[in-house]
Amino acid sequence: MGAAEVARPMPARAFTARGLTRIYRLGEVAIPALAGVDLDLDRGEFVVILGPSGSGKSTLLNILGALDAPTAGTLLFQDHDLTAADDAARTAYRRDHVGFVFQFYNLLPALTAAENVAVVADIAAHPMPPAAALALVGLADRADHFPSQLSGGEQQRVAVARAIVKRPEVLLCDEPTGALDVRTGVVVLEALVRVSAEIGSTTVLITHNAVIAALADRVLTMSDGRIASERRNATPASPRDLHW
């Protein structure tokens, strides 16, 4: 940085959404998925979004991750307008700023746990070592195992390590415990809470399971493509305290 340059402070707000609308079309039929969502998410916040199937949760998450684009409305990431971004800019945003964790692990079966994580580390600007990412999710001793040698919970934790190895500013989680039993789900949630705090990411987790909302700083409930309610947890719970 030159002497005349001054580093700009990072915005406190991670996302600012206004009037987000998403309409899918099936022939002549218009199917509304989002109906004018206004939303502010702060940096470092852990947010859980609840709602039944069809409420708009996944559509909103996909728009935050630039996997989908709104039909109308605006979405700012910090001070960058994602709704005005072209495909190259959206790809760069996903690569440089976002980690994704999905319900199904999508690991490459021919690669070890460490190699699955390294696939993302190799294209990231400032990654942590894959071994460090695996250690954060409690799998330092499973780095050389293939997915077929790992339990479902271990595979999901590898997926979490893969998502966070790039040190993302945003961590988006779509039903990350949906395919897991309670005990294994708690272990995965512990990993998510730990790594979110460690890397300081803005974490958004969508789920049908209302019990998981106790982990969040803030809980949003969606219905019919809108945010129907919002509440804050004065003291977020530990994953070990959850029972469902």
Protein backbone atom coordinates (compact mmCIF):
# COMPACT_ATOMS: atom_id res chain seq x y z
CA MET A 1 0.00 0.00 0.00
CA GLY A 2 1.45 3.37 -1.04
CA ALA A 3 1.92 6.28 1.37
CA ALA A 4 -1.03 8.14 -0.15
CA GLU A 5 -3.36 5.15 0.18
CA VAL A 6 -5.57 4.72 3.21
CA ALA A 7 -7.10 1.35 4.01
CA ARG A 8 -10.88 1.53 4.03
CA PRO A 9 -12.58 0.08 7.09
CA MET A 10 -14.62 -3.04 6.41
CA PRO A 11 -18.36 -2.31 6.41
CA ALA A 12 -20.18 -3.53 9.53
CA ARG A 13 -22.99 -4.79 7.35
CA ALA A 14 -22.44 -7.96 5.33
CA PHE A 15 -25.69 -7.91 3.33
CA THR A 16 -28.38 -5.36 2.59
CA ALA A 17 -31.39 -6.67 0.68
CA ARG A 18 -34.35 -4.59 -0.39
CA GLY A 19 -37.45 -5.86 -2.14
CA LEU A 20 -35.94 -9.19 -3.21
CA THR A 21 -38.43 -10.95 -5.47
CA ARG A 22 -37.96 -14.22 -7.31
CA ILE A 23 -40.51 -15.59 -9.74
CA TYR A 24 -39.99 -18.87 -11.55
CA ARG A 25 -41.92 -19.57 -14.74
CA LEU A 26 -43.25 -22.92 -15.86
CA GLY A 27 -44.68 -22.23 -19.28
CA GLU A 28 -47.42 -19.65 -18.74
CA VAL A 29 -47.50 -20.24 -14.99
CA ALA A 30 -45.67 -17.82 -12.68
CA ILE A 31 -44.48 -19.37 -9.40
CA PRO A 32 -43.46 -16.78 -6.79
CA ALA A 33 -40.63 -17.93 -4.50
CA LEU A 34 -39.72 -14.60 -2.85
CA ALA A 35 -42.20 -11.76 -2.47
CA GLY A 36 -40.30 -8.59 -1.58
CA VAL A 37 -37.78 -9.55 1.12
CA ASP A 38 -36.02 -6.80 3.05
CA LEU A 39 -33.06 -8.05 5.08
CA ASP A 40 -29.92 -6.77 6.79
CA LEU A 41 -27.18 -9.16 7.94
CA ASP A 42 -24.23 -7.97 10.00
CA ARG A 43 -20.66 -9.21 9.70
CA GLY A 44 -19.95 -12.13 12.01
CA GLU A 45 -23.62 -12.81 12.70
CA PHE A 46 -24.94 -16.39 13.01
CA VAL A 47 -28.46 -16.44 11.56
CA VAL A 48 -30.87 -19.37 11.37
CA ILE A 49 -33.75 -19.21 8.88
CA LEU A 50 -36.74 -21.43 9.61
CA GLY A 51 -39.77 -22.26 7.51
CA PRO A 52 -41.60 -25.09 5.79
CA SER A 53 -40.82 -26.36 2.30
CA GLY A 54 -41.82 -23.75 -0.26
CA SER A 55 -41.45 -20.81 2.11
CA GLY A 56 -38.50 -19.34 0.18
CA LYS A 57 -35.59 -20.33 2.44
CA SER A 58 -33.48 -22.04 -0.20
CA THR A 59 -34.23 -19.39 -2.81
CA LEU A 60 -33.06 -16.66 -0.44
CA LEU A 61 -29.91 -18.62 0.44
CA ASN A 62 -29.13 -19.19 -3.24
CA ILE A 63 -29.50 -15.48 -3.99
CA LEU A 64 -27.20 -14.57 -1.06
CA GLY A 65 -24.66 -16.98 -2.55
CA ALA A 66 -25.13 -15.68 -6.12
CA LEU A 67 -26.22 -19.14 -7.26
CA ASP A 68 -29.47 -17.52 -8.36
CA ALA A 69 -30.50 -13.97 -9.21
CA PRO A 70 -33.61 -12.11 -8.08
CA THR A 71 -36.32 -11.16 -10.52
CA ALA A 72 -36.51 -7.75 -8.84
CA GLY A 73 -34.98 -5.93 -5.89
CA THR A 74 -31.41 -5.18 -4.82
CA LEU A 75 -28.77 -7.07 -2.87
CA LEU A 76 -25.58 -5.49 -1.62
CA PHE A 77 -22.66 -7.52 -0.28
CA GLN A 78 -20.84 -4.95 1.81
CA ASP A 79 -20.85 -2.09 -0.71
CA HIS A 80 -20.96 -4.25 -3.87
CA ASP A 81 -24.23 -4.56 -5.79
CA LEU A 82 -24.64 -8.27 -6.55
CA THR A 83 -27.80 -7.67 -8.53
CA ALA A 84 -25.85 -5.54 -11.02
CA ALA A 85 -22.94 -8.01 -11.28
CA ASP A 86 -22.25 -9.95 -14.46
CA ASP A 87 -21.55 -13.69 -14.52
CA ALA A 88 -17.78 -13.23 -14.11
CA ALA A 89 -18.23 -10.97 -11.09
CA ARG A 90 -20.73 -13.37 -9.50
CA THR A 91 -18.32 -16.27 -10.01
CA ALA A 92 -15.50 -14.26 -8.43
CA TYR A 93 -17.76 -13.38 -5.48
CA ARG A 94 -18.58 -17.04 -4.86
CA ARG A 95 -14.94 -18.09 -5.23
CA ASP A 96 -13.44 -15.38 -3.05
CA HIS A 97 -16.06 -14.72 -0.37
CA VAL A 98 -18.52 -17.60 0.08
CA GLY A 99 -18.36 -21.09 1.54
CA PHE A 100 -21.27 -23.48 0.93
CA VAL A 101 -22.39 -26.45 3.04
CA PHE A 102 -25.26 -28.51 1.63
CA GLN A 103 -27.39 -31.35 3.00
CA PHE A 104 -25.57 -33.86 0.80
CA TYR A 105 -21.81 -33.82 1.11
CA ASN A 106 -20.79 -33.92 -2.57
CA LEU A 107 -17.30 -35.16 -1.78
CA LEU A 108 -15.14 -36.54 -4.57
CA PRO A 109 -14.97 -40.30 -3.84
CA ALA A 110 -11.53 -40.84 -5.39
CA LEU A 111 -9.91 -38.18 -3.17
CA THR A 112 -9.00 -38.36 0.51
CA ALA A 113 -10.50 -35.95 3.03
CA ALA A 114 -7.42 -33.72 2.81
CA GLU A 115 -7.49 -33.79 -0.99
CA ASN A 116 -11.20 -32.90 -1.06
CA VAL A 117 -10.41 -29.83 1.05
CA ALA A 118 -7.33 -28.99 -1.01
CA VAL A 119 -9.45 -28.77 -4.19
CA VAL A 120 -10.93 -25.54 -2.80
CA ALA A 121 -7.75 -24.35 -1.11
CA ASP A 122 -5.93 -24.48 -4.44
CA ILE A 123 -8.22 -21.87 -6.02
CA ALA A 124 -8.60 -19.58 -2.99
CA ALA A 125 -6.69 -16.33 -2.57
CA HIS A 126 -5.73 -16.70 1.10
CA PRO A 127 -6.55 -20.25 2.22
CA MET A 128 -5.63 -21.91 5.46
CA PRO A 129 -3.76 -25.22 5.14
CA PRO A 130 -6.20 -28.09 4.49
CA ALA A 131 -4.88 -29.84 7.59
CA ALA A 132 -5.81 -26.79 9.68
CA ALA A 133 -9.35 -26.77 8.28
CA LEU A 134 -9.76 -30.45 9.09
CA ALA A 135 -8.40 -29.87 12.59
CA LEU A 136 -11.01 -27.14 13.15
CA VAL A 137 -13.77 -29.67 12.54
CA GLY A 138 -12.11 -32.38 14.64
CA LEU A 139 -10.85 -34.57 11.79
CA ALA A 140 -7.08 -34.11 11.94
CA ASP A 141 -6.69 -37.89 12.29
CA ARG A 142 -8.92 -38.68 9.29
CA ALA A 143 -7.13 -36.61 6.65
CA ASP A 144 -5.93 -39.62 4.66
CA HIS A 145 -9.26 -41.45 4.66
CA PHE A 146 -11.50 -41.65 1.60
CA PRO A 147 -15.21 -40.72 1.84
CA SER A 148 -16.19 -44.41 1.77
CA GLN A 149 -14.13 -44.87 4.94
CA LEU A 150 -15.92 -42.05 6.79
CA SER A 151 -19.26 -41.95 8.56
CA GLY A 152 -21.99 -39.60 7.36
CA GLY A 153 -21.18 -37.10 10.09
CA GLU A 154 -17.48 -37.23 9.26
CA GLN A 155 -18.22 -36.67 5.59
CA GLN A 156 -20.32 -33.64 6.46
CA ARG A 157 -17.51 -32.27 8.62
CA VAL A 158 -15.14 -32.70 5.67
CA ALA A 159 -17.67 -30.68 3.66
CA VAL A 160 -17.56 -27.99 6.36
CA ALA A 161 -13.75 -28.00 6.26
CA ARG A 162 -13.87 -27.67 2.48
CA ALA A 163 -16.22 -24.68 2.81
CA ILE A 164 -14.12 -22.84 5.39
CA VAL A 165 -10.60 -23.55 4.08
CA LYS A 166 -10.79 -20.39 1.94
CA ARG A 167 -11.55 -18.32 5.12
CA PRO A 168 -14.88 -17.14 3.65
CA GLU A 169 -16.54 -13.98 4.84
CA VAL A 170 -19.89 -15.70 4.24
CA LEU A 171 -20.82 -19.28 5.18
CA LEU A 172 -24.14 -20.52 3.75
CA CYS A 173 -25.54 -23.79 5.08
CA ASP A 174 -28.55 -25.53 3.49
CA GLU A 175 -30.01 -28.16 5.86
CA PRO A 176 -26.52 -29.31 6.94
CA THR A 177 -27.92 -31.84 9.45
CA GLY A 178 -30.92 -32.93 7.37
CA ALA A 179 -29.44 -36.32 6.48
CA LEU A 180 -27.97 -37.03 9.93
CA ASP A 181 -29.19 -38.56 13.16
CA VAL A 182 -29.39 -36.37 16.27
CA ARG A 183 -26.05 -37.30 17.82
CA THR A 184 -24.17 -36.87 14.56
CA GLY A 185 -26.06 -33.66 13.77
CA VAL A 186 -24.96 -32.14 17.07
CA VAL A 187 -21.31 -32.89 16.24
CA VAL A 188 -21.69 -31.16 12.86
CA LEU A 189 -23.41 -28.16 14.46
CA GLU A 190 -20.57 -27.91 16.98
CA ALA A 191 -18.14 -27.77 14.08
CA LEU A 192 -20.15 -25.04 12.35
CA VAL A 193 -20.43 -22.90 15.48
CA ARG A 194 -16.73 -23.33 16.24
CA VAL A 195 -15.47 -22.47 12.77
CA SER A 196 -17.88 -19.55 12.37
CA ALA A 197 -16.46 -17.98 15.51
CA GLU A 198 -12.88 -18.86 14.53
CA ILE A 199 -12.99 -17.29 11.07
CA GLY A 200 -15.53 -14.57 11.89
CA SER A 201 -17.86 -15.44 9.03
CA THR A 202 -21.40 -14.24 8.56
CA THR A 203 -23.18 -17.59 8.78
CA VAL A 204 -26.68 -18.28 7.48
CA LEU A 205 -28.16 -21.71 8.17
CA ILE A 206 -31.54 -22.77 6.83
CA THR A 207 -33.42 -25.67 8.39
CA HIS A 208 -36.84 -27.20 9.01
CA ASN A 209 -35.70 -28.07 12.54
CA ALA A 210 -36.86 -25.31 14.91
CA VAL A 211 -34.67 -26.66 17.74
CA ILE A 212 -31.52 -25.55 15.88
CA ALA A 213 -32.69 -21.92 16.09
CA ALA A 214 -31.44 -21.82 19.70
CA LEU A 215 -27.85 -21.65 18.37
CA ALA A 216 -28.38 -18.42 16.48
CA ASP A 217 -27.72 -14.79 17.26
CA ARG A 218 -30.88 -14.08 15.26
CA VAL A 219 -33.74 -16.24 14.01
CA LEU A 220 -35.82 -15.46 10.94
CA THR A 221 -38.98 -17.37 10.07
CA MET A 222 -40.17 -17.39 6.46
CA SER A 223 -43.63 -18.00 5.09
CA ASP A 224 -44.98 -17.58 1.55
CA GLY A 225 -41.79 -15.95 0.29
CA ARG A 226 -41.63 -13.36 3.06
CA ILE A 227 -39.92 -12.95 6.43
CA ALA A 228 -42.84 -13.51 8.76
CA SER A 229 -41.03 -12.99 12.07
CA GLU A 230 -37.65 -12.21 13.60
CA ARG A 231 -36.20 -12.65 17.06
CA ARG A 232 -32.84 -12.52 18.78
CA ASN A 233 -31.39 -14.98 21.25
CA ALA A 234 -29.91 -13.12 24.21
CA THR A 235 -27.64 -16.10 24.88
CA PRO A 236 -27.24 -18.58 22.00
CA ALA A 237 -27.32 -22.21 23.16
CA SER A 238 -24.53 -24.75 22.86
CA PRO A 239 -25.15 -27.52 20.33
CA ARG A 240 -24.71 -30.05 23.16
CA ASP A 241 -27.83 -28.60 24.83
CA LEU A 242 -30.05 -29.36 21.83
CA HIS A 243 -32.49 -32.26 21.79
CA TRP A 244 -34.83 -33.20 18.96
